[in-house]
Amino acid sequence: MSTASSVSASELDQLLIARHGASAVQRFKSATVGLAGAGGLGSVIAAALARLGIGTLIVADFDRVEAVNLGRQQYFIDQIGLPKVEALRANLQRIHPGVRIIAQPLRVSAANLLELFGTVDILVEAFDDPVAKADLTSTWLAACPQRPLVGASGMAGCGPANQIVTRRPFGHFYLCGDGHSAVETCGSLYASRVGIAAHHQAQAVVRLLLGLDPVEDCSP
């Protein structure tokens, strides 16, 4: 049995290859994915992608870990007070030390979006604030219409899990959620439902990297 100190990044990659195949793992390792936000969506998405050995994750968030975040975000009690991006980097390196994490403790805006994420293959929007979501979406789609953007909308309340879906409104823009459930109308955010939306986003990234359509079933 392997111990914590005996498993290297290359050994983890070999285990991934045994499970997913060399071609898929190489696609993951060659990818650079941007995450705008490291909260209930972003921290979950980051963990899912790190477990697949994504080559580089660029994560930007200005916030610090608070006790209230522990209800749905991938942080721990002893990380309260730390910048989210630094705490997340530490957690992701414990999952797969071979994943390169570029942590940007900054507020993402239209002014710095391309500076932060101009090199990514896919950008994931993982904000809570609807205005910030809209600003990022419009800026990215105008500047980089051929590079995929994976966003989220509608995950508040305790609605059925199967209401969360992945859609493509147009072009290379993918949107995960039920499209309507807001905190103002549906109540609080549950870790379970937010996590479903986050994993929809992560799966959209995975399918894009594999050359598959995130919405349509391309299987024979």
C-alpha atoms as a PDB file:
ATOM      1  CA  MET A   1       0.000   0.000   0.000  1.00  0.00           C
ATOM      2  CA  SER A   2       1.300   3.458  -0.899  1.00  0.00           C
ATOM      3  CA  THR A   3       1.872   5.996   1.841  1.00  0.00           C
ATOM      4  CA  ALA A   4       1.429   9.757   1.641  1.00  0.00           C
ATOM      5  CA  SER A   5       5.160  10.359   1.368  1.00  0.00           C
ATOM      6  CA  SER A   6       5.704   7.709  -1.298  1.00  0.00           C
ATOM      7  CA  VAL A   7       3.294   8.847  -4.033  1.00  0.00           C
ATOM      8  CA  SER A   8       4.826  11.253  -6.539  1.00  0.00           C
ATOM      9  CA  ALA A   9       3.115  13.474  -9.101  1.00  0.00           C
ATOM     10  CA  SER A  10       4.313  11.201 -11.901  1.00  0.00           C
ATOM     11  CA  GLU A  11       2.884   8.158 -10.136  1.00  0.00           C
ATOM     12  CA  LEU A  12      -0.448   9.936  -9.804  1.00  0.00           C
ATOM     13  CA  ASP A  13      -0.322  10.642 -13.529  1.00  0.00           C
ATOM     14  CA  GLN A  14       0.283   6.963 -14.234  1.00  0.00           C
ATOM     15  CA  LEU A  15      -2.726   6.059 -12.125  1.00  0.00           C
ATOM     16  CA  LEU A  16      -4.803   8.571 -14.100  1.00  0.00           C
ATOM     17  CA  ILE A  17      -3.532   7.073 -17.359  1.00  0.00           C
ATOM     18  CA  ALA A  18      -4.542   3.609 -16.196  1.00  0.00           C
ATOM     19  CA  ARG A  19      -8.039   4.925 -15.514  1.00  0.00           C
ATOM     20  CA  HIS A  20      -8.636   7.426 -18.336  1.00  0.00           C
ATOM     21  CA  GLY A  21      -6.050   6.574 -21.000  1.00  0.00           C
ATOM     22  CA  ALA A  22      -2.859   8.326 -22.064  1.00  0.00           C
ATOM     23  CA  SER A  23      -4.515  10.537 -24.684  1.00  0.00           C
ATOM     24  CA  ALA A  24      -7.042  12.017 -22.250  1.00  0.00           C
ATOM     25  CA  VAL A  25      -4.460  12.602 -19.526  1.00  0.00           C
ATOM     26  CA  GLN A  26      -2.119  14.309 -21.991  1.00  0.00           C
ATOM     27  CA  ARG A  27      -4.924  16.652 -23.030  1.00  0.00           C
ATOM     28  CA  PHE A  28      -5.544  17.498 -19.379  1.00  0.00           C
ATOM     29  CA  LYS A  29      -1.848  18.020 -18.607  1.00  0.00           C
ATOM     30  CA  SER A  30      -1.437  20.314 -21.615  1.00  0.00           C
ATOM     31  CA  ALA A  31      -4.375  22.535 -20.653  1.00  0.00           C
ATOM     32  CA  THR A  32      -4.491  25.902 -18.929  1.00  0.00           C
ATOM     33  CA  VAL A  33      -7.840  26.655 -17.295  1.00  0.00           C
ATOM     34  CA  GLY A  34      -8.810  29.961 -15.684  1.00  0.00           C
ATOM     35  CA  LEU A  35     -11.073  30.203 -12.646  1.00  0.00           C
ATOM     36  CA  ALA A  36     -12.587  33.580 -11.863  1.00  0.00           C
ATOM     37  CA  GLY A  37     -13.667  33.068  -8.263  1.00  0.00           C
ATOM     38  CA  ALA A  38     -12.610  30.624  -5.541  1.00  0.00           C
ATOM     39  CA  GLY A  39     -15.792  30.298  -3.509  1.00  0.00           C
ATOM     40  CA  GLY A  40     -18.621  27.781  -3.519  1.00  0.00           C
ATOM     41  CA  LEU A  41     -18.289  27.185  -7.251  1.00  0.00           C
ATOM     42  CA  GLY A  42     -14.625  27.856  -7.915  1.00  0.00           C
ATOM     43  CA  SER A  43     -13.130  25.864  -5.056  1.00  0.00           C
ATOM     44  CA  VAL A  44     -15.217  22.805  -5.988  1.00  0.00           C
ATOM     45  CA  ILE A  45     -14.403  23.107  -9.696  1.00  0.00           C
ATOM     46  CA  ALA A  46     -10.705  23.490  -8.916  1.00  0.00           C
ATOM     47  CA  ALA A  47     -10.655  20.332  -6.800  1.00  0.00           C
ATOM     48  CA  ALA A  48     -12.414  18.322  -9.517  1.00  0.00           C
ATOM     49  CA  LEU A  49      -9.965  19.490 -12.181  1.00  0.00           C
ATOM     50  CA  ALA A  50      -6.928  18.948  -9.961  1.00  0.00           C
ATOM     51  CA  ARG A  51      -7.996  15.340  -9.450  1.00  0.00           C
ATOM     52  CA  LEU A  52      -7.748  14.909 -13.223  1.00  0.00           C
ATOM     53  CA  GLY A  53      -4.233  16.339 -13.343  1.00  0.00           C
ATOM     54  CA  ILE A  54      -5.018  19.565 -15.217  1.00  0.00           C
ATOM     55  CA  GLY A  55      -1.710  21.129 -16.220  1.00  0.00           C
ATOM     56  CA  THR A  56      -2.236  24.714 -15.061  1.00  0.00           C
ATOM     57  CA  LEU A  57      -5.007  26.398 -13.094  1.00  0.00           C
ATOM     58  CA  ILE A  58      -5.046  30.190 -12.894  1.00  0.00           C
ATOM     59  CA  VAL A  59      -7.278  31.132  -9.953  1.00  0.00           C
ATOM     60  CA  ALA A  60      -8.222  34.719  -9.121  1.00  0.00           C
ATOM     61  CA  ASP A  61     -10.180  35.885  -6.065  1.00  0.00           C
ATOM     62  CA  PHE A  62      -9.640  38.855  -3.736  1.00  0.00           C
ATOM     63  CA  ASP A  63     -11.437  37.361  -0.715  1.00  0.00           C
ATOM     64  CA  ARG A  64     -10.233  35.634   2.453  1.00  0.00           C
ATOM     65  CA  VAL A  65     -11.592  32.465   4.034  1.00  0.00           C
ATOM     66  CA  GLU A  66     -14.277  33.145   6.659  1.00  0.00           C
ATOM     67  CA  ALA A  67     -16.037  30.739   8.999  1.00  0.00           C
ATOM     68  CA  VAL A  68     -19.284  31.157   7.067  1.00  0.00           C
ATOM     69  CA  ASN A  69     -17.555  29.861   3.918  1.00  0.00           C
ATOM     70  CA  LEU A  70     -17.029  26.409   5.409  1.00  0.00           C
ATOM     71  CA  GLY A  71     -20.685  25.559   4.776  1.00  0.00           C
ATOM     72  CA  ARG A  72     -20.152  25.121   1.021  1.00  0.00           C
ATOM     73  CA  GLN A  73     -16.553  25.931   0.072  1.00  0.00           C
ATOM     74  CA  GLN A  74     -13.525  23.631  -0.024  1.00  0.00           C
ATOM     75  CA  TYR A  75     -11.643  25.094   2.934  1.00  0.00           C
ATOM     76  CA  PHE A  76     -10.886  24.086   6.510  1.00  0.00           C
ATOM     77  CA  ILE A  77     -11.163  25.654   9.957  1.00  0.00           C
ATOM     78  CA  ASP A  78      -7.420  26.212  10.240  1.00  0.00           C
ATOM     79  CA  GLN A  79      -7.488  28.220   6.981  1.00  0.00           C
ATOM     80  CA  ILE A  80      -9.844  30.925   8.262  1.00  0.00           C
ATOM     81  CA  GLY A  81      -8.271  34.310   7.595  1.00  0.00           C
ATOM     82  CA  LEU A  82      -6.059  33.162   4.729  1.00  0.00           C
ATOM     83  CA  PRO A  83      -6.482  34.500   1.191  1.00  0.00           C
ATOM     84  CA  LYS A  84      -8.761  32.032  -0.579  1.00  0.00           C
ATOM     85  CA  VAL A  85      -6.415  31.567  -3.508  1.00  0.00           C
ATOM     86  CA  GLU A  86      -3.510  30.686  -1.205  1.00  0.00           C
ATOM     87  CA  ALA A  87      -5.605  28.292   0.872  1.00  0.00           C
ATOM     88  CA  LEU A  88      -6.976  26.698  -2.282  1.00  0.00           C
ATOM     89  CA  ARG A  89      -3.508  26.316  -3.763  1.00  0.00           C
ATOM     90  CA  ALA A  90      -2.376  24.475  -0.630  1.00  0.00           C
ATOM     91  CA  ASN A  91      -5.390  22.162  -0.791  1.00  0.00           C
ATOM     92  CA  LEU A  92      -4.978  21.437  -4.496  1.00  0.00           C
ATOM     93  CA  GLN A  93      -1.297  20.641  -4.078  1.00  0.00           C
ATOM     94  CA  ARG A  94      -2.291  18.050  -1.504  1.00  0.00           C
ATOM     95  CA  ILE A  95      -4.569  16.473  -4.128  1.00  0.00           C
ATOM     96  CA  HIS A  96      -2.055  16.489  -7.002  1.00  0.00           C
ATOM     97  CA  PRO A  97       1.323  18.206  -6.521  1.00  0.00           C
ATOM     98  CA  GLY A  98       1.946  18.117 -10.261  1.00  0.00           C
ATOM     99  CA  VAL A  99      -0.808  20.626 -11.026  1.00  0.00           C
ATOM    100  CA  ARG A 100       0.585  24.132 -11.495  1.00  0.00           C
ATOM    101  CA  ILE A 101      -1.491  26.651  -9.545  1.00  0.00           C
ATOM    102  CA  ILE A 102      -1.160  30.353 -10.340  1.00  0.00           C
ATOM    103  CA  ALA A 103      -2.889  32.144  -7.461  1.00  0.00           C
ATOM    104  CA  GLN A 104      -3.963  35.737  -8.084  1.00  0.00           C
ATOM    105  CA  PRO A 105      -5.297  37.461  -4.916  1.00  0.00           C
ATOM    106  CA  LEU A 106      -7.088  40.124  -6.941  1.00  0.00           C
ATOM    107  CA  ARG A 107     -10.600  41.310  -7.671  1.00  0.00           C
ATOM    108  CA  VAL A 108     -11.380  40.334 -11.257  1.00  0.00           C
ATOM    109  CA  SER A 109     -12.783  43.161 -13.374  1.00  0.00           C
ATOM    110  CA  ALA A 110     -13.261  44.057 -17.003  1.00  0.00           C
ATOM    111  CA  ALA A 111     -10.055  46.081 -16.756  1.00  0.00           C
ATOM    112  CA  ASN A 112      -7.793  43.189 -15.713  1.00  0.00           C
ATOM    113  CA  LEU A 113      -9.657  40.168 -17.124  1.00  0.00           C
ATOM    114  CA  LEU A 114      -7.435  39.650 -20.155  1.00  0.00           C
ATOM    115  CA  GLU A 115      -4.261  40.352 -18.195  1.00  0.00           C
ATOM    116  CA  LEU A 116      -5.203  37.629 -15.719  1.00  0.00           C
ATOM    117  CA  PHE A 117      -6.659  35.059 -18.099  1.00  0.00           C
ATOM    118  CA  GLY A 118      -5.387  35.941 -21.565  1.00  0.00           C
ATOM    119  CA  THR A 119      -3.368  32.715 -21.817  1.00  0.00           C
ATOM    120  CA  VAL A 120      -6.074  30.219 -20.813  1.00  0.00           C
ATOM    121  CA  ASP A 121      -7.647  27.631 -23.080  1.00  0.00           C
ATOM    122  CA  ILE A 122     -10.960  27.808 -21.200  1.00  0.00           C
ATOM    123  CA  LEU A 123     -12.265  30.378 -18.710  1.00  0.00           C
ATOM    124  CA  VAL A 124     -14.669  29.414 -15.932  1.00  0.00           C
ATOM    125  CA  GLU A 125     -16.836  32.100 -14.336  1.00  0.00           C
ATOM    126  CA  ALA A 126     -17.431  31.222 -10.686  1.00  0.00           C
ATOM    127  CA  PHE A 127     -18.740  34.421  -9.101  1.00  0.00           C
ATOM    128  CA  ASP A 128     -21.583  34.930  -6.633  1.00  0.00           C
ATOM    129  CA  ASP A 129     -22.440  38.480  -7.695  1.00  0.00           C
ATOM    130  CA  PRO A 130     -24.769  38.737 -10.731  1.00  0.00           C
ATOM    131  CA  VAL A 131     -23.279  42.062 -11.835  1.00  0.00           C
ATOM    132  CA  ALA A 132     -19.750  40.641 -11.755  1.00  0.00           C
ATOM    133  CA  LYS A 133     -20.981  37.606 -13.712  1.00  0.00           C
ATOM    134  CA  ALA A 134     -22.507  39.819 -16.394  1.00  0.00           C
ATOM    135  CA  ASP A 135     -19.447  42.078 -16.660  1.00  0.00           C
ATOM    136  CA  LEU A 136     -17.057  39.143 -17.020  1.00  0.00           C
ATOM    137  CA  THR A 137     -19.278  37.397 -19.544  1.00  0.00           C
ATOM    138  CA  SER A 138     -19.749  40.400 -21.810  1.00  0.00           C
ATOM    139  CA  THR A 139     -16.063  41.355 -21.651  1.00  0.00           C
ATOM    140  CA  TRP A 140     -14.770  37.847 -22.392  1.00  0.00           C
ATOM    141  CA  LEU A 141     -17.215  37.084 -25.183  1.00  0.00           C
ATOM    142  CA  ALA A 142     -16.390  40.382 -26.883  1.00  0.00           C
ATOM    143  CA  ALA A 143     -12.615  39.949 -26.571  1.00  0.00           C
ATOM    144  CA  CYS A 144     -12.243  36.163 -26.962  1.00  0.00           C
ATOM    145  CA  PRO A 145     -15.321  34.845 -28.790  1.00  0.00           C
ATOM    146  CA  GLN A 146     -13.541  31.686 -29.977  1.00  0.00           C
ATOM    147  CA  ARG A 147     -12.313  30.631 -26.535  1.00  0.00           C
ATOM    148  CA  PRO A 148     -14.868  28.819 -24.363  1.00  0.00           C
ATOM    149  CA  LEU A 149     -16.444  30.459 -21.339  1.00  0.00           C
ATOM    150  CA  VAL A 150     -18.217  28.224 -18.813  1.00  0.00           C
ATOM    151  CA  GLY A 151     -20.523  30.162 -16.490  1.00  0.00           C
ATOM    152  CA  ALA A 152     -23.196  29.392 -13.915  1.00  0.00           C
ATOM    153  CA  SER A 153     -26.646  30.788 -13.228  1.00  0.00           C
ATOM    154  CA  GLY A 154     -29.412  29.494 -10.951  1.00  0.00           C
ATOM    155  CA  MET A 155     -28.446  27.223  -8.059  1.00  0.00           C
ATOM    156  CA  ALA A 156     -30.032  28.765  -4.961  1.00  0.00           C
ATOM    157  CA  GLY A 157     -32.597  27.069  -2.765  1.00  0.00           C
ATOM    158  CA  CYS A 158     -33.226  23.354  -2.364  1.00  0.00           C
ATOM    159  CA  GLY A 159     -34.762  22.519  -5.723  1.00  0.00           C
ATOM    160  CA  PRO A 160     -34.424  19.094  -7.360  1.00  0.00           C
ATOM    161  CA  ALA A 161     -30.927  18.168  -8.470  1.00  0.00           C
ATOM    162  CA  ASN A 162     -32.082  17.342 -11.988  1.00  0.00           C
ATOM    163  CA  GLN A 163     -33.123  20.940 -12.600  1.00  0.00           C
ATOM    164  CA  ILE A 164     -29.423  21.782 -12.879  1.00  0.00           C
ATOM    165  CA  VAL A 165     -28.401  21.444 -16.526  1.00  0.00           C
ATOM    166  CA  THR A 166     -25.691  22.587 -18.935  1.00  0.00           C
ATOM    167  CA  ARG A 167     -26.824  24.768 -21.836  1.00  0.00           C
ATOM    168  CA  ARG A 168     -25.138  26.634 -24.661  1.00  0.00           C
ATOM    169  CA  PRO A 169     -26.855  30.006 -25.117  1.00  0.00           C
ATOM    170  CA  PHE A 170     -24.699  30.711 -28.178  1.00  0.00           C
ATOM    171  CA  GLY A 171     -21.246  30.293 -29.655  1.00  0.00           C
ATOM    172  CA  HIS A 172     -18.624  29.037 -27.209  1.00  0.00           C
ATOM    173  CA  PHE A 173     -20.550  30.161 -24.122  1.00  0.00           C
ATOM    174  CA  TYR A 174     -21.816  27.405 -21.811  1.00  0.00           C
ATOM    175  CA  LEU A 175     -24.070  28.020 -18.824  1.00  0.00           C
ATOM    176  CA  CYS A 176     -24.706  25.622 -15.931  1.00  0.00           C
ATOM    177  CA  GLY A 177     -27.594  25.836 -13.468  1.00  0.00           C
ATOM    178  CA  ASP A 178     -31.369  25.996 -13.576  1.00  0.00           C
ATOM    179  CA  GLY A 179     -31.279  29.503 -15.009  1.00  0.00           C
ATOM    180  CA  HIS A 180     -33.594  31.161 -12.500  1.00  0.00           C
ATOM    181  CA  SER A 181     -33.049  30.225  -8.825  1.00  0.00           C
ATOM    182  CA  ALA A 182     -31.611  33.279  -7.056  1.00  0.00           C
ATOM    183  CA  VAL A 183     -30.944  33.769  -3.348  1.00  0.00           C
ATOM    184  CA  GLU A 184     -33.402  36.677  -3.299  1.00  0.00           C
ATOM    185  CA  THR A 185     -36.290  34.463  -4.426  1.00  0.00           C
ATOM    186  CA  CYS A 186     -35.298  30.917  -3.448  1.00  0.00           C
ATOM    187  CA  GLY A 187     -33.465  31.330  -0.163  1.00  0.00           C
ATOM    188  CA  SER A 188     -30.039  30.182   0.886  1.00  0.00           C
ATOM    189  CA  LEU A 189     -27.317  28.353  -1.002  1.00  0.00           C
ATOM    190  CA  TYR A 190     -26.919  24.669  -0.132  1.00  0.00           C
ATOM    191  CA  ALA A 191     -23.511  23.039  -0.576  1.00  0.00           C
ATOM    192  CA  SER A 192     -25.131  20.053  -2.286  1.00  0.00           C
ATOM    193  CA  ARG A 193     -26.928  22.072  -4.979  1.00  0.00           C
ATOM    194  CA  VAL A 194     -24.108  24.547  -5.574  1.00  0.00           C
ATOM    195  CA  GLY A 195     -21.795  21.555  -5.860  1.00  0.00           C
ATOM    196  CA  ILE A 196     -23.975  20.046  -8.583  1.00  0.00           C
ATOM    197  CA  ALA A 197     -23.679  23.240 -10.629  1.00  0.00           C
ATOM    198  CA  ALA A 198     -19.935  23.366  -9.968  1.00  0.00           C
ATOM    199  CA  HIS A 199     -19.459  19.812 -11.175  1.00  0.00           C
ATOM    200  CA  HIS A 200     -21.523  20.586 -14.271  1.00  0.00           C
ATOM    201  CA  GLN A 201     -19.016  23.352 -14.950  1.00  0.00           C
ATOM    202  CA  ALA A 202     -16.064  21.052 -14.308  1.00  0.00           C
ATOM    203  CA  GLN A 203     -17.555  18.408 -16.605  1.00  0.00           C
ATOM    204  CA  ALA A 204     -18.075  20.995 -19.331  1.00  0.00           C
ATOM    205  CA  VAL A 205     -14.365  21.823 -19.089  1.00  0.00           C
ATOM    206  CA  VAL A 206     -13.447  18.135 -19.233  1.00  0.00           C
ATOM    207  CA  ARG A 207     -15.583  17.498 -22.315  1.00  0.00           C
ATOM    208  CA  LEU A 208     -14.197  20.554 -24.085  1.00  0.00           C
ATOM    209  CA  LEU A 209     -10.631  19.420 -23.408  1.00  0.00           C
ATOM    210  CA  LEU A 210     -11.492  15.985 -24.781  1.00  0.00           C
ATOM    211  CA  GLY A 211     -12.957  17.518 -27.936  1.00  0.00           C
ATOM    212  CA  LEU A 212     -16.519  16.634 -26.948  1.00  0.00           C
ATOM    213  CA  ASP A 213     -19.611  18.828 -26.918  1.00  0.00           C
ATOM    214  CA  PRO A 214     -20.539  19.735 -23.313  1.00  0.00           C
ATOM    215  CA  VAL A 215     -24.248  19.763 -24.187  1.00  0.00           C
ATOM    216  CA  GLU A 216     -24.848  17.122 -26.853  1.00  0.00           C
ATOM    217  CA  ASP A 217     -24.184  13.411 -26.393  1.00  0.00           C
ATOM    218  CA  CYS A 218     -21.534  12.597 -28.992  1.00  0.00           C
ATOM    219  CA  SER A 219     -21.248   8.904 -28.162  1.00  0.00           C
ATOM    220  CA  PRO A 220     -21.954   6.428 -31.000  1.00  0.00           C
END
